[in-house]
Amino acid sequence: MKAAQITGYGAPEVLHINEVDRPAPGAGEVLVSVEASSVNGLDTIVRGGGLRVVTGFRFPFGVGLDFAGVVSATGTGVQQYRVGDRVWGTVQPLKRRTVSGAAEYVVVTADRLGSAPAHLSPVETASLVVAGTTALTALRDTLHLRSGERLLVRGAAGGVGTAAVQLAHAMGGHVTALCRDSHAGALRDLGADEVFDYRATTPDQLGPFDVILDTVGSQLNAYRSRLSREGRMATIALSVSSVAAIAASSVHGGCRIRTLSANPDTALLGDLAAYVTSGGLRPVVDSVYPLADIASAHRAFERGGAVGKQVVAVSGE
């Protein structure tokens, strides 16, 4: 079978499509025939060597954190899935493996899968797995957004941003989106009440906000100052500057900046599917690439300027 792998750390050119053995499910595991995967920040960070202390130096290893597909086989003890079921899920983050989501087949434990929303295509399904669960974890579990509260989403046109705008709107929040001016119409269509061009708007021109969700990682202290007295802020973007700001916020004053990363399991994927089914969340796909051209999908992600997700069609599209 074909699988996207990196043969060293570096630019997208280190990505290759290699022939590998099809994995077999063990006890409690499920073999999924993958139809689509999406590009996520963690994928590009690992590929670039930003987490080499965790991932090590043994090559090749697979890329692709999430996937949508069809159950092909189940291991002993798996009762909740049958061959032919449509599923979505993720591989275990940062676990070094030769095959990950961007491959024709992948094996995962059953608790990392959920039943895919029936009306979505594989590409649409894959676009929501990591972005949607991250946004839901941030708004519901970390920031505890309540109806009527004012929320700022930085990087609102990205995968997590577009999901967060929709979910916050569904939760009854008053949503302010920061993005490029050219993307303002798209963000309003997704439920943003106010949209500002991040290149022409400074933090002191905004606020106050009850909740801030950051997907950018810069100027965290400046935006933290726009929080109300009981305000909450979280970022999903880790960098040297953001780590320093997070640490400082835990020591100096109130309104601590939190960090988070979703680790989707069956329950979380089920909660996300409920928002999709009810119409509170819909996929936003910027572009689709074949597996053979996954390097271009990574380039597009790193270039930025998109609305929604870059998705890799593995099969079935």
Protein backbone atom coordinates (compact mmCIF):
# COMPACT_ATOMS: atom_id res chain seq x y z
CA MET A 1 0.00 0.00 0.00
CA LYS A 2 1.00 3.66 -0.38
CA ALA A 3 1.84 5.86 2.60
CA ALA A 4 3.17 9.40 3.00
CA GLN A 5 6.39 9.37 5.00
CA ILE A 6 9.23 11.72 5.83
CA THR A 7 12.78 10.53 5.30
CA GLY A 8 14.39 13.32 7.32
CA TYR A 9 13.52 16.65 8.90
CA GLY A 10 13.08 19.66 6.67
CA ALA A 11 10.92 21.40 4.06
CA PRO A 12 7.99 19.67 2.29
CA GLU A 13 10.50 18.08 -0.09
CA VAL A 14 11.29 15.48 2.59
CA LEU A 15 7.80 14.04 2.09
CA HIS A 16 7.66 10.90 -0.06
CA ILE A 17 4.99 8.40 -1.06
CA ASN A 18 6.41 4.96 -0.31
CA GLU A 19 5.19 1.39 -0.66
CA VAL A 20 4.82 -0.22 2.75
CA ASP A 21 3.17 -3.31 4.19
CA ARG A 22 -0.47 -3.04 5.07
CA PRO A 23 -0.83 -3.05 8.89
CA ALA A 24 -3.00 -5.61 10.66
CA PRO A 25 -5.22 -4.81 13.65
CA GLY A 26 -4.36 -6.34 17.01
CA ALA A 27 -6.61 -6.76 20.01
CA GLY A 28 -8.79 -3.67 20.51
CA GLU A 29 -7.65 -2.16 17.21
CA VAL A 30 -9.35 -1.26 13.95
CA LEU A 31 -7.95 -1.26 10.41
CA VAL A 32 -9.31 1.72 8.45
CA SER A 33 -9.22 2.13 4.68
CA VAL A 34 -8.38 5.83 4.55
CA GLU A 35 -10.20 8.08 2.10
CA ALA A 36 -8.94 11.49 3.22
CA SER A 37 -6.62 13.20 5.70
CA SER A 38 -6.02 16.88 6.46
CA VAL A 39 -2.90 18.96 7.12
CA ASN A 40 -2.50 20.20 10.68
CA GLY A 41 0.05 22.36 12.43
CA LEU A 42 1.48 19.40 14.34
CA ASP A 43 2.14 17.60 11.05
CA THR A 44 4.31 20.45 9.74
CA ILE A 45 6.07 20.98 13.07
CA VAL A 46 7.04 17.31 13.27
CA ARG A 47 8.13 17.28 9.62
CA GLY A 48 10.27 20.37 10.19
CA GLY A 49 12.02 18.84 13.21
CA GLY A 50 10.47 21.09 15.82
CA LEU A 51 9.69 18.12 18.07
CA ARG A 52 12.67 15.91 17.30
CA VAL A 53 13.39 15.45 21.00
CA VAL A 54 10.06 13.60 21.19
CA THR A 55 9.91 11.99 17.75
CA GLY A 56 13.54 10.96 17.56
CA PHE A 57 15.77 10.53 14.55
CA ARG A 58 14.64 7.20 13.09
CA PHE A 59 13.30 7.38 9.55
CA PRO A 60 11.10 6.96 7.68
CA PHE A 61 7.97 7.66 9.66
CA GLY A 62 4.43 8.48 8.67
CA VAL A 63 2.62 11.80 8.54
CA GLY A 64 -1.04 12.69 8.88
CA LEU A 65 -2.67 13.16 12.27
CA ASP A 66 -6.30 12.66 11.26
CA PHE A 67 -8.30 10.68 8.74
CA ALA A 68 -11.73 9.73 7.44
CA GLY A 69 -12.44 6.33 5.98
CA VAL A 70 -14.14 2.95 6.17
CA VAL A 71 -13.56 0.09 8.60
CA SER A 72 -11.73 -2.68 6.74
CA ALA A 73 -11.09 -5.13 9.61
CA THR A 74 -11.32 -5.29 13.39
CA GLY A 75 -9.17 -6.96 16.01
CA THR A 76 -10.41 -9.14 18.82
CA GLY A 77 -12.50 -7.39 21.43
CA VAL A 78 -13.82 -4.65 19.14
CA GLN A 79 -17.62 -4.67 19.33
CA GLN A 80 -18.67 -1.15 18.38
CA TYR A 81 -17.47 -1.14 14.76
CA ARG A 82 -18.12 -3.44 11.84
CA VAL A 83 -16.52 -3.77 8.42
CA GLY A 84 -17.99 -1.10 6.16
CA ASP A 85 -18.70 1.47 8.89
CA ARG A 86 -17.72 5.02 7.99
CA VAL A 87 -15.45 6.50 10.67
CA TRP A 88 -13.27 9.46 11.51
CA GLY A 89 -10.43 9.67 13.98
CA THR A 90 -6.77 10.35 14.73
CA VAL A 91 -3.56 8.50 15.33
CA GLN A 92 -1.90 8.92 18.71
CA PRO A 93 -0.09 12.29 18.66
CA LEU A 94 3.72 12.20 18.54
CA LYS A 95 3.94 8.41 18.59
CA ARG A 96 6.61 7.47 16.10
CA ARG A 97 5.06 5.16 13.51
CA THR A 98 5.81 4.27 9.91
CA VAL A 99 2.15 4.64 8.89
CA SER A 100 -0.15 7.49 9.97
CA GLY A 101 -3.32 9.12 8.66
CA ALA A 102 -1.99 9.99 5.20
CA ALA A 103 -1.83 6.39 4.00
CA GLU A 104 -4.12 3.97 2.23
CA TYR A 105 -4.67 2.05 5.48
CA VAL A 106 -4.07 2.86 9.13
CA VAL A 107 -4.52 0.93 12.37
CA VAL A 108 -5.72 2.69 15.53
CA THR A 109 -7.26 1.67 18.81
CA ALA A 110 -11.06 1.73 18.78
CA ASP A 111 -11.22 4.53 21.35
CA ARG A 112 -9.62 6.93 18.82
CA LEU A 113 -12.50 6.49 16.36
CA GLY A 114 -16.00 7.85 16.02
CA SER A 115 -18.87 7.27 13.62
CA ALA A 116 -18.53 9.85 10.83
CA PRO A 117 -21.45 12.23 10.12
CA ALA A 118 -23.43 10.40 7.45
CA HIS A 119 -24.09 13.33 5.11
CA LEU A 120 -20.48 14.50 4.75
CA SER A 121 -18.03 13.43 2.04
CA PRO A 122 -14.70 11.93 3.15
CA VAL A 123 -12.89 15.20 2.34
CA GLU A 124 -15.41 17.21 4.36
CA THR A 125 -15.21 14.74 7.23
CA ALA A 126 -11.41 14.82 7.39
CA SER A 127 -11.40 18.61 7.44
CA LEU A 128 -13.24 18.68 10.77
CA VAL A 129 -11.51 16.02 12.86
CA VAL A 130 -8.63 17.93 14.46
CA ALA A 131 -9.88 21.46 13.77
CA GLY A 132 -13.33 20.77 15.18
CA THR A 133 -12.27 18.83 18.25
CA THR A 134 -9.62 21.44 19.08
CA ALA A 135 -12.13 24.28 18.80
CA LEU A 136 -14.73 22.41 20.85
CA THR A 137 -12.20 21.53 23.56
CA ALA A 138 -11.05 25.14 23.71
CA LEU A 139 -14.45 26.80 23.88
CA ARG A 140 -16.38 24.28 25.96
CA ASP A 141 -13.82 22.60 28.22
CA THR A 142 -10.96 25.11 28.62
CA LEU A 143 -12.59 28.54 28.26
CA HIS A 144 -16.14 27.59 29.34
CA LEU A 145 -17.81 29.98 26.89
CA ARG A 146 -21.30 30.95 28.01
CA SER A 147 -24.20 32.29 26.00
CA GLY A 148 -24.04 36.08 25.65
CA GLU A 149 -20.31 36.36 26.32
CA ARG A 150 -18.05 38.30 23.97
CA LEU A 151 -15.43 36.15 22.23
CA LEU A 152 -12.43 37.13 20.10
CA VAL A 153 -11.00 34.55 17.68
CA ARG A 154 -7.52 35.33 16.37
CA GLY A 155 -6.62 33.57 13.14
CA ALA A 156 -10.31 33.09 12.47
CA ALA A 157 -9.90 32.00 8.83
CA GLY A 158 -7.80 28.92 9.63
CA GLY A 159 -9.08 25.43 10.28
CA VAL A 160 -9.51 25.83 14.04
CA GLY A 161 -10.63 29.43 13.61
CA THR A 162 -13.47 28.67 11.18
CA ALA A 163 -14.66 25.84 13.44
CA ALA A 164 -14.44 28.06 16.54
CA VAL A 165 -16.47 30.86 14.95
CA GLN A 166 -19.26 28.43 14.11
CA LEU A 167 -19.25 26.61 17.43
CA ALA A 168 -19.18 29.84 19.43
CA HIS A 169 -22.12 31.15 17.41
CA ALA A 170 -24.00 27.92 18.11
CA MET A 171 -23.22 28.30 21.83
CA GLY A 172 -24.73 31.79 21.85
CA GLY A 173 -21.52 33.80 22.04
CA HIS A 174 -21.01 37.21 20.45
CA VAL A 175 -18.17 36.46 18.05
CA THR A 176 -15.49 38.90 16.88
CA ALA A 177 -13.16 37.50 14.22
CA LEU A 178 -9.67 38.70 13.30
CA CYS A 179 -8.61 37.75 9.77
CA ARG A 180 -7.61 39.23 6.43
CA ASP A 181 -10.07 41.80 5.11
CA SER A 182 -10.62 39.65 2.01
CA HIS A 183 -11.97 36.87 4.24
CA ALA A 184 -14.47 39.01 6.13
CA GLY A 185 -17.49 37.90 4.10
CA ALA A 186 -16.72 34.23 4.60
CA LEU A 187 -16.37 34.68 8.38
CA ARG A 188 -19.67 36.56 8.62
CA ASP A 189 -21.34 33.73 6.72
CA LEU A 190 -19.97 31.33 9.36
CA GLY A 191 -21.54 33.33 12.20
CA ALA A 192 -19.10 36.11 13.16
CA ASP A 193 -20.90 39.18 14.50
CA GLU A 194 -17.94 41.48 13.90
CA VAL A 195 -14.88 41.05 11.68
CA PHE A 196 -11.67 43.11 11.73
CA ASP A 197 -8.62 43.08 9.46
CA TYR A 198 -5.75 41.95 11.68
CA ARG A 199 -3.28 43.94 9.59
CA ALA A 200 -5.10 47.23 10.16
CA THR A 201 -6.35 46.72 13.74
CA THR A 202 -4.26 46.96 16.91
CA PRO A 203 -5.23 45.21 20.16
CA ASP A 204 -6.03 48.50 21.90
CA GLN A 205 -8.72 49.16 19.29
CA LEU A 206 -10.61 46.07 20.39
CA GLY A 207 -12.46 44.74 23.39
CA PRO A 208 -13.19 44.20 26.12
CA PHE A 209 -13.77 40.46 25.72
CA ASP A 210 -14.88 37.76 28.10
CA VAL A 211 -13.04 35.08 26.15
CA ILE A 212 -10.13 35.10 23.67
CA LEU A 213 -9.09 32.11 21.58
CA ASP A 214 -5.70 32.59 19.94
CA THR A 215 -4.42 30.45 17.07
CA VAL A 216 -1.52 32.76 16.13
CA GLY A 217 0.90 32.77 19.08
CA SER A 218 2.16 36.37 18.93
CA GLN A 219 1.33 39.51 20.95
CA LEU A 220 -0.36 37.42 23.62
CA ASN A 221 0.18 39.95 26.40
CA ALA A 222 -1.25 42.76 24.29
CA TYR A 223 -4.41 40.78 23.63
CA ARG A 224 -4.60 39.55 27.20
CA SER A 225 -4.95 43.20 28.24
CA ARG A 226 -8.27 43.29 26.33
CA LEU A 227 -9.88 40.77 28.67
CA SER A 228 -12.61 41.77 31.10
CA ARG A 229 -12.08 41.29 34.83
CA GLU A 230 -13.31 37.69 34.72
CA GLY A 231 -11.92 37.05 31.24
CA ARG A 232 -10.31 33.82 30.01
CA MET A 233 -7.76 33.32 27.24
CA ALA A 234 -6.21 30.27 25.58
CA THR A 235 -3.78 29.69 22.74
CA ILE A 236 -3.16 26.64 20.60
CA ALA A 237 0.03 28.11 19.07
CA LEU A 238 3.24 27.41 20.94
CA SER A 239 6.40 29.41 20.26
CA VAL A 240 9.21 30.89 22.33
CA SER A 241 7.28 34.14 22.77
CA SER A 242 3.96 32.46 23.53
CA VAL A 243 5.49 30.12 26.13
CA ALA A 244 7.03 33.14 27.86
CA ALA A 245 3.70 34.97 27.86
CA ILE A 246 1.87 31.92 29.21
CA ALA A 247 4.40 31.55 32.03
CA ALA A 248 4.26 35.25 32.90
CA SER A 249 0.45 35.25 32.99
CA SER A 250 0.46 32.53 35.65
CA VAL A 251 2.57 34.70 37.93
CA HIS A 252 1.57 38.30 37.28
CA GLY A 253 -2.04 39.37 37.75
CA GLY A 254 -5.27 37.66 36.79
CA CYS A 255 -6.60 36.37 33.49
CA ARG A 256 -4.13 33.58 33.04
CA ILE A 257 -3.36 32.45 29.47
CA ARG A 258 -3.99 28.75 29.06
CA THR A 259 -2.71 26.38 26.42
CA LEU A 260 -4.42 23.29 25.12
CA SER A 261 -4.36 20.57 22.53
CA ALA A 262 -7.27 18.28 21.79
CA ASN A 263 -6.78 14.54 22.02
CA PRO A 264 -9.88 13.24 20.26
CA ASP A 265 -11.55 10.12 21.59
CA THR A 266 -14.87 8.48 20.77
CA ALA A 267 -16.84 10.68 23.16
CA LEU A 268 -15.37 13.96 21.88
CA LEU A 269 -15.89 12.92 18.25
CA GLY A 270 -19.49 12.06 19.13
CA ASP A 271 -20.05 15.50 20.64
CA LEU A 272 -18.58 17.11 17.53
CA ALA A 273 -20.78 14.99 15.26
CA ALA A 274 -23.84 16.26 17.14
CA TYR A 275 -22.94 19.85 16.20
CA VAL A 276 -22.46 18.79 12.58
CA THR A 277 -25.80 16.96 12.48
CA SER A 278 -27.66 19.89 14.05
CA GLY A 279 -26.20 22.36 11.54
CA GLY A 280 -24.09 24.19 14.09
CA LEU A 281 -20.86 23.23 12.35
CA ARG A 282 -20.09 22.69 8.69
CA PRO A 283 -16.82 21.88 6.95
CA VAL A 284 -14.72 24.64 5.40
CA VAL A 285 -12.30 23.21 2.82
CA ASP A 286 -9.87 25.56 1.11
CA SER A 287 -8.16 23.08 -1.23
CA VAL A 288 -7.82 19.37 -1.94
CA TYR A 289 -4.64 17.57 -3.04
CA PRO A 290 -4.03 13.97 -4.10
CA LEU A 291 -1.85 11.85 -1.84
CA ALA A 292 0.92 11.96 -4.45
CA ASP A 293 1.07 15.74 -4.03
CA ILE A 294 0.91 15.97 -0.24
CA ALA A 295 4.01 18.18 -0.30
CA SER A 296 1.97 20.90 -2.04
CA ALA A 297 -0.68 20.62 0.68
CA HIS A 298 2.01 21.25 3.31
CA ARG A 299 3.34 24.22 1.33
CA ALA A 300 -0.14 25.72 1.12
CA PHE A 301 -0.66 25.29 4.86
CA GLU A 302 2.63 26.99 5.70
CA ARG A 303 2.02 29.77 3.19
CA GLY A 304 -1.21 30.75 4.93
CA GLY A 305 -3.89 33.03 3.56
CA ALA A 306 -6.48 30.28 3.16
CA VAL A 307 -10.02 29.99 4.49
CA GLY A 308 -10.43 26.59 6.09
CA LYS A 309 -8.46 23.40 5.62
CA GLN A 310 -6.05 21.80 3.18
CA VAL A 311 -7.18 18.20 2.69
CA VAL A 312 -5.36 15.24 1.14
CA ALA A 313 -7.60 12.87 -0.85
CA VAL A 314 -6.19 9.38 -0.39
CA SER A 315 -8.97 7.43 -2.14
CA GLY A 316 -12.68 7.55 -2.76
CA GLU A 317 -12.81 11.20 -3.95
